[in-house]
C-alpha atoms as a PDB file:
ATOM      1  CA  MET A   1       0.000   0.000   0.000  1.00  0.00           C
ATOM      2  CA  GLU A   2       1.157   3.527  -0.753  1.00  0.00           C
ATOM      3  CA  ALA A   3       0.444   4.625   2.805  1.00  0.00           C
ATOM      4  CA  GLY A   4       3.912   3.457   3.750  1.00  0.00           C
ATOM      5  CA  HIS A   5       5.429   6.442   1.935  1.00  0.00           C
ATOM      6  CA  HIS A   6       3.552   9.040   3.951  1.00  0.00           C
ATOM      7  CA  ASP A   7       4.747  10.355   7.320  1.00  0.00           C
ATOM      8  CA  LEU A   8       1.493  10.855   9.202  1.00  0.00           C
ATOM      9  CA  SER A   9       2.913  11.251  12.719  1.00  0.00           C
ATOM     10  CA  LYS A  10       2.418  15.029  12.818  1.00  0.00           C
ATOM     11  CA  VAL A  11      -1.270  14.831  11.967  1.00  0.00           C
ATOM     12  CA  THR A  12      -2.273  11.691  13.895  1.00  0.00           C
ATOM     13  CA  VAL A  13      -3.413  11.661  17.527  1.00  0.00           C
ATOM     14  CA  ALA A  14      -4.588   8.553  19.395  1.00  0.00           C
ATOM     15  CA  GLY A  15      -6.135   9.156  22.829  1.00  0.00           C
ATOM     16  CA  ASP A  16      -5.343   5.636  24.040  1.00  0.00           C
ATOM     17  CA  PRO A  17      -2.836   3.912  21.694  1.00  0.00           C
ATOM     18  CA  GLN A  18      -2.975   0.630  23.640  1.00  0.00           C
ATOM     19  CA  LEU A  19      -6.759   0.409  23.386  1.00  0.00           C
ATOM     20  CA  LEU A  20      -6.564   1.233  19.665  1.00  0.00           C
ATOM     21  CA  GLN A  21      -4.010  -1.555  19.129  1.00  0.00           C
ATOM     22  CA  LYS A  22      -6.207  -3.974  21.082  1.00  0.00           C
ATOM     23  CA  LYS A  23      -9.156  -3.120  18.829  1.00  0.00           C
ATOM     24  CA  ILE A  24      -7.034  -3.482  15.660  1.00  0.00           C
ATOM     25  CA  ASP A  25      -5.919  -6.930  16.849  1.00  0.00           C
ATOM     26  CA  ALA A  26      -9.525  -7.976  17.594  1.00  0.00           C
ATOM     27  CA  VAL A  27     -10.704  -6.888  14.125  1.00  0.00           C
ATOM     28  CA  ARG A  28      -7.753  -8.614  12.428  1.00  0.00           C
ATOM     29  CA  LEU A  29      -8.433 -11.843  14.331  1.00  0.00           C
ATOM     30  CA  ALA A  30     -12.102 -11.874  13.249  1.00  0.00           C
ATOM     31  CA  GLY A  31     -11.112 -11.341   9.599  1.00  0.00           C
ATOM     32  CA  PRO A  32     -12.328  -9.072   6.762  1.00  0.00           C
ATOM     33  CA  SER A  33     -15.637 -10.952   6.417  1.00  0.00           C
ATOM     34  CA  LYS A  34     -16.706  -9.449   9.772  1.00  0.00           C
ATOM     35  CA  LEU A  35     -15.713  -5.857   8.923  1.00  0.00           C
ATOM     36  CA  GLN A  36     -17.672  -2.947   7.471  1.00  0.00           C
ATOM     37  CA  VAL A  37     -16.892   0.745   7.061  1.00  0.00           C
ATOM     38  CA  ILE A  38     -19.360   3.543   7.808  1.00  0.00           C
ATOM     39  CA  ALA A  39     -18.359   6.992   6.573  1.00  0.00           C
ATOM     40  CA  ASP A  40     -19.734  10.496   6.591  1.00  0.00           C
ATOM     41  CA  PHE A  41     -19.274  12.274   3.243  1.00  0.00           C
ATOM     42  CA  ASP A  42     -18.698  16.040   3.543  1.00  0.00           C
ATOM     43  CA  GLY A  43     -15.485  16.970   5.339  1.00  0.00           C
ATOM     44  CA  THR A  44     -14.685  13.287   5.902  1.00  0.00           C
ATOM     45  CA  LEU A  45     -14.255  11.693   2.482  1.00  0.00           C
ATOM     46  CA  THR A  46     -13.963  15.153   0.929  1.00  0.00           C
ATOM     47  CA  LYS A  47     -11.387  17.828   1.639  1.00  0.00           C
ATOM     48  CA  TYR A  48     -12.297  20.658   3.976  1.00  0.00           C
ATOM     49  CA  PHE A  49     -10.051  23.099   2.106  1.00  0.00           C
ATOM     50  CA  VAL A  50      -9.627  23.082  -1.672  1.00  0.00           C
ATOM     51  CA  ASN A  51      -6.888  25.289  -3.162  1.00  0.00           C
ATOM     52  CA  GLY A  52      -6.585  27.198   0.109  1.00  0.00           C
ATOM     53  CA  ARG A  53     -10.287  28.010   0.347  1.00  0.00           C
ATOM     54  CA  ARG A  54     -13.129  26.281   2.175  1.00  0.00           C
ATOM     55  CA  GLY A  55     -14.308  23.447  -0.096  1.00  0.00           C
ATOM     56  CA  GLN A  56     -17.971  23.139  -0.967  1.00  0.00           C
ATOM     57  CA  SER A  57     -20.293  20.550   0.547  1.00  0.00           C
ATOM     58  CA  SER A  58     -22.474  18.235  -1.506  1.00  0.00           C
ATOM     59  CA  HIS A  59     -25.476  20.293  -0.279  1.00  0.00           C
ATOM     60  CA  GLY A  60     -23.846  23.601  -1.175  1.00  0.00           C
ATOM     61  CA  ILE A  61     -22.845  22.955  -4.785  1.00  0.00           C
ATOM     62  CA  LEU A  62     -26.305  22.562  -6.275  1.00  0.00           C
ATOM     63  CA  LYS A  63     -27.396  25.251  -8.710  1.00  0.00           C
ATOM     64  CA  GLN A  64     -30.852  24.733 -10.176  1.00  0.00           C
ATOM     65  CA  GLY A  65     -30.270  26.885 -13.201  1.00  0.00           C
ATOM     66  CA  ASN A  66     -33.038  29.083 -11.804  1.00  0.00           C
ATOM     67  CA  ALA A  67     -31.719  32.039  -9.802  1.00  0.00           C
ATOM     68  CA  GLU A  68     -35.045  32.705  -8.071  1.00  0.00           C
ATOM     69  CA  TYR A  69     -35.136  29.194  -6.588  1.00  0.00           C
ATOM     70  CA  ASP A  70     -31.424  29.208  -5.714  1.00  0.00           C
ATOM     71  CA  ASP A  71     -32.097  32.430  -3.750  1.00  0.00           C
ATOM     72  CA  LYS A  72     -35.105  30.889  -1.995  1.00  0.00           C
ATOM     73  CA  ARG A  73     -33.026  27.885  -0.892  1.00  0.00           C
ATOM     74  CA  GLN A  74     -30.257  30.217   0.307  1.00  0.00           C
ATOM     75  CA  ALA A  75     -32.803  32.173   2.362  1.00  0.00           C
ATOM     76  CA  LEU A  76     -33.941  28.915   4.013  1.00  0.00           C
ATOM     77  CA  TYR A  77     -30.303  28.081   4.768  1.00  0.00           C
ATOM     78  CA  GLU A  78     -29.736  31.468   6.394  1.00  0.00           C
ATOM     79  CA  TYR A  79     -32.828  31.034   8.565  1.00  0.00           C
ATOM     80  CA  TYR A  80     -32.465  27.375   9.600  1.00  0.00           C
ATOM     81  CA  HIS A  81     -28.693  26.805   9.714  1.00  0.00           C
ATOM     82  CA  PRO A  82     -28.172  28.828  12.945  1.00  0.00           C
ATOM     83  CA  LEU A  83     -31.093  26.927  14.517  1.00  0.00           C
ATOM     84  CA  GLU A  84     -29.426  23.591  13.654  1.00  0.00           C
ATOM     85  CA  PHE A  85     -26.481  24.484  15.895  1.00  0.00           C
ATOM     86  CA  SER A  86     -28.368  26.417  18.578  1.00  0.00           C
ATOM     87  CA  PRO A  87     -27.511  25.083  22.057  1.00  0.00           C
ATOM     88  CA  THR A  88     -30.835  26.280  23.535  1.00  0.00           C
ATOM     89  CA  ILE A  89     -33.432  24.578  21.289  1.00  0.00           C
ATOM     90  CA  PRO A  90     -34.640  21.209  22.673  1.00  0.00           C
ATOM     91  CA  ILE A  91     -33.821  18.250  20.406  1.00  0.00           C
ATOM     92  CA  GLN A  92     -37.454  17.360  19.615  1.00  0.00           C
ATOM     93  CA  GLU A  93     -38.197  20.914  18.538  1.00  0.00           C
ATOM     94  CA  LYS A  94     -34.953  21.074  16.574  1.00  0.00           C
ATOM     95  CA  THR A  95     -35.757  17.793  14.794  1.00  0.00           C
ATOM     96  CA  LYS A  96     -39.100  19.265  13.680  1.00  0.00           C
ATOM     97  CA  LEU A  97     -37.299  22.392  12.408  1.00  0.00           C
ATOM     98  CA  MET A  98     -34.862  20.242  10.410  1.00  0.00           C
ATOM     99  CA  GLU A  99     -37.753  18.264   8.893  1.00  0.00           C
ATOM    100  CA  ASP A 100     -39.344  21.556   7.872  1.00  0.00           C
ATOM    101  CA  TRP A 101     -36.085  22.866   6.362  1.00  0.00           C
ATOM    102  CA  TRP A 102     -35.294  19.733   4.361  1.00  0.00           C
ATOM    103  CA  GLY A 103     -38.926  19.323   3.264  1.00  0.00           C
ATOM    104  CA  LYS A 104     -39.177  22.930   2.044  1.00  0.00           C
ATOM    105  CA  THR A 105     -35.817  22.651   0.265  1.00  0.00           C
ATOM    106  CA  HIS A 106     -36.864  19.463  -1.513  1.00  0.00           C
ATOM    107  CA  ASN A 107     -40.139  21.079  -2.578  1.00  0.00           C
ATOM    108  CA  LEU A 108     -38.230  24.052  -4.016  1.00  0.00           C
ATOM    109  CA  LEU A 109     -36.023  21.704  -6.029  1.00  0.00           C
ATOM    110  CA  ILE A 110     -39.139  20.082  -7.514  1.00  0.00           C
ATOM    111  CA  GLU A 111     -41.022  23.368  -8.065  1.00  0.00           C
ATOM    112  CA  GLY A 112     -37.973  24.990  -9.621  1.00  0.00           C
ATOM    113  CA  GLY A 113     -37.728  22.237 -12.210  1.00  0.00           C
ATOM    114  CA  LEU A 114     -34.377  20.739 -11.222  1.00  0.00           C
ATOM    115  CA  THR A 115     -32.937  18.510 -13.955  1.00  0.00           C
ATOM    116  CA  TYR A 116     -30.267  15.827 -13.839  1.00  0.00           C
ATOM    117  CA  ASP A 117     -28.264  17.935 -16.300  1.00  0.00           C
ATOM    118  CA  ALA A 118     -28.195  20.752 -13.724  1.00  0.00           C
ATOM    119  CA  ILE A 119     -26.755  18.296 -11.172  1.00  0.00           C
ATOM    120  CA  LYS A 120     -24.003  17.268 -13.627  1.00  0.00           C
ATOM    121  CA  GLU A 121     -23.213  20.899 -14.339  1.00  0.00           C
ATOM    122  CA  SER A 122     -23.210  21.814 -10.626  1.00  0.00           C
ATOM    123  CA  VAL A 123     -20.706  19.058  -9.854  1.00  0.00           C
ATOM    124  CA  SER A 124     -18.401  19.828 -12.772  1.00  0.00           C
ATOM    125  CA  SER A 125     -18.113  23.507 -11.794  1.00  0.00           C
ATOM    126  CA  SER A 126     -17.832  22.850  -8.036  1.00  0.00           C
ATOM    127  CA  ALA A 127     -14.944  23.170  -5.579  1.00  0.00           C
ATOM    128  CA  ILE A 128     -15.407  19.692  -4.132  1.00  0.00           C
ATOM    129  CA  ALA A 129     -12.601  17.145  -4.010  1.00  0.00           C
ATOM    130  CA  PHE A 130     -11.871  13.823  -2.360  1.00  0.00           C
ATOM    131  CA  ARG A 131      -9.003  13.524   0.093  1.00  0.00           C
ATOM    132  CA  ASP A 132      -5.861  11.956  -1.327  1.00  0.00           C
ATOM    133  CA  GLY A 133      -6.012   8.234  -0.578  1.00  0.00           C
ATOM    134  CA  VAL A 134      -9.812   7.843  -0.752  1.00  0.00           C
ATOM    135  CA  VAL A 135      -9.683   5.953  -4.057  1.00  0.00           C
ATOM    136  CA  GLU A 136      -6.950   3.664  -2.735  1.00  0.00           C
ATOM    137  CA  LEU A 137      -8.991   3.076   0.433  1.00  0.00           C
ATOM    138  CA  PHE A 138     -12.088   2.113  -1.586  1.00  0.00           C
ATOM    139  CA  GLU A 139     -10.032  -0.150  -3.854  1.00  0.00           C
ATOM    140  CA  PHE A 140      -8.386  -1.889  -0.882  1.00  0.00           C
ATOM    141  CA  LEU A 141     -11.807  -2.514   0.699  1.00  0.00           C
ATOM    142  CA  GLU A 142     -13.418  -3.596  -2.583  1.00  0.00           C
ATOM    143  CA  GLU A 143     -10.699  -6.206  -3.167  1.00  0.00           C
ATOM    144  CA  ARG A 144     -11.597  -7.731   0.209  1.00  0.00           C
ATOM    145  CA  ASP A 145     -15.391  -7.471  -0.263  1.00  0.00           C
ATOM    146  CA  ILE A 146     -15.665  -5.085   2.701  1.00  0.00           C
ATOM    147  CA  PRO A 147     -18.783  -2.878   2.365  1.00  0.00           C
ATOM    148  CA  VAL A 148     -18.629   0.897   2.718  1.00  0.00           C
ATOM    149  CA  LEU A 149     -21.801   2.736   3.777  1.00  0.00           C
ATOM    150  CA  ILE A 150     -21.707   6.472   3.106  1.00  0.00           C
ATOM    151  CA  PHE A 151     -24.170   8.324   5.351  1.00  0.00           C
ATOM    152  CA  SER A 152     -25.265  11.789   4.307  1.00  0.00           C
ATOM    153  CA  ALA A 153     -28.131  14.147   5.032  1.00  0.00           C
ATOM    154  CA  GLY A 154     -27.549  15.549   1.542  1.00  0.00           C
ATOM    155  CA  LEU A 155     -28.583  14.152  -1.836  1.00  0.00           C
ATOM    156  CA  ALA A 156     -27.540  10.681  -2.990  1.00  0.00           C
ATOM    157  CA  ASP A 157     -27.722  11.680  -6.650  1.00  0.00           C
ATOM    158  CA  ILE A 158     -25.197  14.479  -6.132  1.00  0.00           C
ATOM    159  CA  ILE A 159     -22.820  12.232  -4.179  1.00  0.00           C
ATOM    160  CA  GLU A 160     -22.997   9.639  -6.956  1.00  0.00           C
ATOM    161  CA  GLU A 161     -22.304  12.299  -9.564  1.00  0.00           C
ATOM    162  CA  VAL A 162     -19.296  13.517  -7.523  1.00  0.00           C
ATOM    163  CA  LEU A 163     -17.988   9.925  -7.483  1.00  0.00           C
ATOM    164  CA  ARG A 164     -18.619   9.625 -11.213  1.00  0.00           C
ATOM    165  CA  GLN A 165     -16.866  12.874 -12.159  1.00  0.00           C
ATOM    166  CA  LYS A 166     -14.054  12.993  -9.610  1.00  0.00           C
ATOM    167  CA  VAL A 167     -13.145   9.293  -9.367  1.00  0.00           C
ATOM    168  CA  HIS A 168     -14.267   8.113 -12.827  1.00  0.00           C
ATOM    169  CA  ARG A 169     -15.167   4.659 -11.603  1.00  0.00           C
ATOM    170  CA  SER A 170     -17.658   2.812  -9.435  1.00  0.00           C
ATOM    171  CA  PHE A 171     -17.097   0.525  -6.473  1.00  0.00           C
ATOM    172  CA  LYS A 172     -19.420  -2.427  -6.062  1.00  0.00           C
ATOM    173  CA  ASN A 173     -18.966  -2.387  -2.275  1.00  0.00           C
ATOM    174  CA  VAL A 174     -20.078   1.240  -1.749  1.00  0.00           C
ATOM    175  CA  LYS A 175     -23.641   2.068  -0.697  1.00  0.00           C
ATOM    176  CA  ILE A 176     -25.089   5.527  -0.091  1.00  0.00           C
ATOM    177  CA  VAL A 177     -27.662   6.221   2.630  1.00  0.00           C
ATOM    178  CA  SER A 178     -29.045   9.615   1.675  1.00  0.00           C
ATOM    179  CA  ASN A 179     -32.005  11.402   0.090  1.00  0.00           C
ATOM    180  CA  ARG A 180     -32.676   9.919  -3.329  1.00  0.00           C
ATOM    181  CA  MET A 181     -34.404  11.690  -6.181  1.00  0.00           C
ATOM    182  CA  VAL A 182     -36.917  10.381  -8.725  1.00  0.00           C
ATOM    183  CA  PHE A 183     -36.692  11.831 -12.253  1.00  0.00           C
ATOM    184  CA  ASP A 184     -39.151  11.608 -15.146  1.00  0.00           C
ATOM    185  CA  ASN A 185     -38.164  10.486 -18.647  1.00  0.00           C
ATOM    186  CA  ASP A 186     -37.008  14.006 -19.504  1.00  0.00           C
ATOM    187  CA  GLY A 187     -34.582  14.009 -16.561  1.00  0.00           C
ATOM    188  CA  ARG A 188     -36.710  16.386 -14.489  1.00  0.00           C
ATOM    189  CA  LEU A 189     -37.063  15.897 -10.725  1.00  0.00           C
ATOM    190  CA  ILE A 190     -40.582  14.816  -9.776  1.00  0.00           C
ATOM    191  CA  SER A 191     -40.257  13.452  -6.224  1.00  0.00           C
ATOM    192  CA  PHE A 192     -38.034  11.958  -3.526  1.00  0.00           C
ATOM    193  CA  LYS A 193     -37.885   8.286  -2.546  1.00  0.00           C
ATOM    194  CA  GLY A 194     -38.473   6.969   0.944  1.00  0.00           C
ATOM    195  CA  LYS A 195     -37.953   8.580   4.299  1.00  0.00           C
ATOM    196  CA  LEU A 196     -36.515  12.088   4.608  1.00  0.00           C
ATOM    197  CA  ILE A 197     -32.954  11.988   5.956  1.00  0.00           C
ATOM    198  CA  HIS A 198     -31.822  15.209   7.656  1.00  0.00           C
ATOM    199  CA  SER A 199     -28.842  16.130   9.812  1.00  0.00           C
ATOM    200  CA  LEU A 200     -30.443  14.981  13.066  1.00  0.00           C
ATOM    201  CA  ASN A 201     -31.926  11.646  11.950  1.00  0.00           C
ATOM    202  CA  LYS A 202     -29.281  10.375   9.527  1.00  0.00           C
ATOM    203  CA  ASN A 203     -28.108   8.106  12.348  1.00  0.00           C
ATOM    204  CA  GLU A 204     -31.430   6.278  12.503  1.00  0.00           C
ATOM    205  CA  HIS A 205     -30.110   5.216   9.132  1.00  0.00           C
ATOM    206  CA  ALA A 206     -32.718   3.947   6.790  1.00  0.00           C
ATOM    207  CA  LEU A 207     -30.386   1.160   5.699  1.00  0.00           C
ATOM    208  CA  GLU A 208     -33.016  -0.151   3.315  1.00  0.00           C
ATOM    209  CA  MET A 209     -32.524   3.068   1.348  1.00  0.00           C
ATOM    210  CA  ALA A 210     -28.850   2.332   0.810  1.00  0.00           C
ATOM    211  CA  ALA A 211     -28.724   1.690  -2.905  1.00  0.00           C
ATOM    212  CA  PRO A 212     -25.465   0.323  -4.273  1.00  0.00           C
ATOM    213  CA  VAL A 213     -23.770   3.095  -6.216  1.00  0.00           C
ATOM    214  CA  HIS A 214     -22.943   0.829  -9.137  1.00  0.00           C
ATOM    215  CA  GLU A 215     -26.637   0.182  -9.894  1.00  0.00           C
ATOM    216  CA  HIS A 216     -26.773   3.786 -11.031  1.00  0.00           C
ATOM    217  CA  PHE A 217     -23.597   3.394 -13.077  1.00  0.00           C
ATOM    218  CA  GLY A 218     -25.226   0.615 -15.075  1.00  0.00           C
ATOM    219  CA  ASP A 219     -23.017  -2.227 -13.821  1.00  0.00           C
ATOM    220  CA  GLY A 220     -24.960  -5.466 -13.864  1.00  0.00           C
ATOM    221  CA  ASP A 221     -23.195  -7.593 -11.299  1.00  0.00           C
ATOM    222  CA  GLY A 222     -25.632  -6.979  -8.452  1.00  0.00           C
ATOM    223  CA  PRO A 223     -24.660  -5.899  -4.947  1.00  0.00           C
ATOM    224  CA  ILE A 224     -22.157  -8.095  -3.152  1.00  0.00           C
ATOM    225  CA  ASN A 225     -23.697  -7.349   0.236  1.00  0.00           C
ATOM    226  CA  ASP A 226     -27.359  -7.188   1.122  1.00  0.00           C
ATOM    227  CA  ASN A 227     -28.528  -5.474   4.288  1.00  0.00           C
ATOM    228  CA  ALA A 228     -28.635  -8.730   6.247  1.00  0.00           C
ATOM    229  CA  SER A 229     -24.984  -9.472   5.581  1.00  0.00           C
ATOM    230  CA  VAL A 230     -24.088  -5.913   6.596  1.00  0.00           C
ATOM    231  CA  LYS A 231     -25.822  -6.519   9.937  1.00  0.00           C
ATOM    232  CA  GLU A 232     -23.746  -9.680  10.389  1.00  0.00           C
ATOM    233  CA  ARG A 233     -20.537  -7.702  10.045  1.00  0.00           C
ATOM    234  CA  THR A 234     -20.022  -6.989  13.708  1.00  0.00           C
ATOM    235  CA  ASN A 235     -16.766  -5.018  13.455  1.00  0.00           C
ATOM    236  CA  VAL A 236     -17.039  -1.408  12.337  1.00  0.00           C
ATOM    237  CA  LEU A 237     -14.592   1.231  11.179  1.00  0.00           C
ATOM    238  CA  LEU A 238     -16.394   4.570  11.510  1.00  0.00           C
ATOM    239  CA  LEU A 239     -15.119   7.721   9.745  1.00  0.00           C
ATOM    240  CA  GLY A 240     -16.495  11.163  10.600  1.00  0.00           C
ATOM    241  CA  ASP A 241     -15.607  14.804  11.103  1.00  0.00           C
ATOM    242  CA  HIS A 242     -18.181  15.742  13.779  1.00  0.00           C
ATOM    243  CA  LEU A 243     -18.769  14.230  17.209  1.00  0.00           C
ATOM    244  CA  GLY A 244     -22.359  13.589  16.109  1.00  0.00           C
ATOM    245  CA  ASP A 245     -21.072  11.234  13.393  1.00  0.00           C
ATOM    246  CA  LEU A 246     -20.246   8.719  16.121  1.00  0.00           C
ATOM    247  CA  GLY A 247     -23.977   7.999  16.218  1.00  0.00           C
ATOM    248  CA  MET A 248     -23.864   6.532  12.692  1.00  0.00           C
ATOM    249  CA  SER A 249     -23.238   3.070  14.181  1.00  0.00           C
ATOM    250  CA  ASP A 250     -26.065   3.336  16.756  1.00  0.00           C
ATOM    251  CA  GLY A 251     -28.364   0.927  14.901  1.00  0.00           C
ATOM    252  CA  LEU A 252     -25.711  -1.787  14.660  1.00  0.00           C
ATOM    253  CA  ASP A 253     -25.052  -4.461  17.223  1.00  0.00           C
ATOM    254  CA  TYR A 254     -21.267  -4.291  16.864  1.00  0.00           C
ATOM    255  CA  GLU A 255     -18.556  -6.134  18.762  1.00  0.00           C
ATOM    256  CA  THR A 256     -15.596  -3.861  18.026  1.00  0.00           C
ATOM    257  CA  ARG A 257     -15.800  -0.316  16.695  1.00  0.00           C
ATOM    258  CA  ILE A 258     -12.774   1.736  15.689  1.00  0.00           C
ATOM    259  CA  SER A 259     -13.643   5.395  15.192  1.00  0.00           C
ATOM    260  CA  ALA A 260     -11.464   7.767  13.167  1.00  0.00           C
ATOM    261  CA  GLY A 261     -12.205  11.492  13.347  1.00  0.00           C
ATOM    262  CA  PHE A 262     -11.058  14.218  10.954  1.00  0.00           C
ATOM    263  CA  LEU A 263     -10.522  17.459  12.866  1.00  0.00           C
ATOM    264  CA  ASN A 264     -10.214  19.881   9.996  1.00  0.00           C
ATOM    265  CA  ASP A 265     -10.243  23.307  11.602  1.00  0.00           C
ATOM    266  CA  ASN A 266     -10.400  25.100  14.972  1.00  0.00           C
ATOM    267  CA  ILE A 267      -8.122  22.403  16.378  1.00  0.00           C
ATOM    268  CA  GLU A 268      -7.139  24.033  19.673  1.00  0.00           C
ATOM    269  CA  ASN A 269     -10.744  24.326  20.832  1.00  0.00           C
ATOM    270  CA  ASN A 270     -11.820  20.848  19.738  1.00  0.00           C
ATOM    271  CA  LEU A 271      -8.881  18.482  20.138  1.00  0.00           C
ATOM    272  CA  VAL A 272      -9.595  17.519  23.761  1.00  0.00           C
ATOM    273  CA  ASN A 273     -13.163  16.450  22.926  1.00  0.00           C
ATOM    274  CA  TYR A 274     -12.230  14.701  19.678  1.00  0.00           C
ATOM    275  CA  ARG A 275      -9.413  12.838  21.383  1.00  0.00           C
ATOM    276  CA  LYS A 276     -11.784  11.558  24.061  1.00  0.00           C
ATOM    277  CA  ALA A 277     -14.502  10.595  21.582  1.00  0.00           C
ATOM    278  CA  PHE A 278     -12.573   9.042  18.665  1.00  0.00           C
ATOM    279  CA  ASP A 279      -9.998   6.236  18.836  1.00  0.00           C
ATOM    280  CA  VAL A 280      -7.755   8.133  16.430  1.00  0.00           C
ATOM    281  CA  VAL A 281      -7.910  11.745  15.186  1.00  0.00           C
ATOM    282  CA  TYR A 282      -6.404  13.124  11.976  1.00  0.00           C
ATOM    283  CA  LEU A 283      -5.622  16.846  12.094  1.00  0.00           C
ATOM    284  CA  ASN A 284      -5.418  19.773   9.678  1.00  0.00           C
ATOM    285  CA  ASP A 285      -7.551  18.386   6.848  1.00  0.00           C
ATOM    286  CA  ALA A 286      -5.229  15.371   6.619  1.00  0.00           C
ATOM    287  CA  PRO A 287      -5.230  13.004   3.640  1.00  0.00           C
ATOM    288  CA  MET A 288      -6.817   9.549   3.900  1.00  0.00           C
ATOM    289  CA  TRP A 289      -3.472   7.705   4.104  1.00  0.00           C
ATOM    290  CA  GLY A 290      -3.776   7.241   7.881  1.00  0.00           C
ATOM    291  CA  VAL A 291      -7.025   5.332   7.378  1.00  0.00           C
ATOM    292  CA  VAL A 292      -5.482   3.317   4.524  1.00  0.00           C
ATOM    293  CA  LYS A 293      -2.716   2.293   6.924  1.00  0.00           C
ATOM    294  CA  LEU A 294      -5.286   1.516   9.624  1.00  0.00           C
ATOM    295  CA  VAL A 295      -7.352  -0.821   7.406  1.00  0.00           C
ATOM    296  CA  SER A 296      -4.231  -2.539   6.112  1.00  0.00           C
ATOM    297  CA  GLN A 297      -3.302  -3.287   9.758  1.00  0.00           C
ATOM    298  CA  MET A 298      -6.857  -4.464  10.444  1.00  0.00           C
ATOM    299  CA  CYS A 299      -6.757  -6.803   7.441  1.00  0.00           C
ATOM    300  CA  SER A 300      -3.139  -7.945   7.796  1.00  0.00           C
ATOM    301  CA  THR A 301      -2.496 -11.665   7.797  1.00  0.00           C
ATOM    302  CA  VAL A 302       0.885 -11.125   9.458  1.00  0.00           C
ATOM    303  CA  ASN A 303       0.944 -11.307  13.272  1.00  0.00           C
END
């Protein structure tokens, strides 16, 4: 693996190195058939900074090709976004607010006549980029039939288009749990499929909504892992960039969980909490090579 060429010591912090090693050993002993990876998308698989500026999120890149509706969605963002992070609003009330925000946004996308072509165009002109090492990580996991679930409160169709344009290939082991669009024959958005996934309920993960990415790329091999086999994989590697992402494994009855956190910014104020919460923390918008090294240790056949 290429990870061997990268000195990651300056950007890697483990709160309890002995516990981490114990967990790595337990996962390795159980074997790859018991392992799955759960990852957040924005700021975890993607870079936080792109060319020295804050990179865009998969939510933030979408342009409908209709300025009036783009402005309306921006106005909703400016109203609801502060409420999402308000420390004084009770969680039940906040959940209702998030449902309202996502629901209104989705309705605007339909009303404004969003097309699949507009999604393609939005992605191609966006400042969104995967961390170095993400492709190698996915390839390593695919070779070992280890499933990757990407959890996002954004839009599955945009995430798939980002994969298509930025990686230029599909991975049969990658599934996306996110809001999925339904288009008519002219490529115009007409509705959304299934349960609404927003920032506060993405951890109640509607796993049944996790469609294999490659189905949408036109590969015909069929998914290598159905939901039942994912539930049988009792060892979890969790990747996130917020403390809340640790909840992504809440619905799983896991034996061993190794959590890796990306602390991209505001490190001084957050490191103590991240260090306590995650098994290993990668600092300063680090590349994915630390995780590549981690999974190669977890899957090593050498004692």
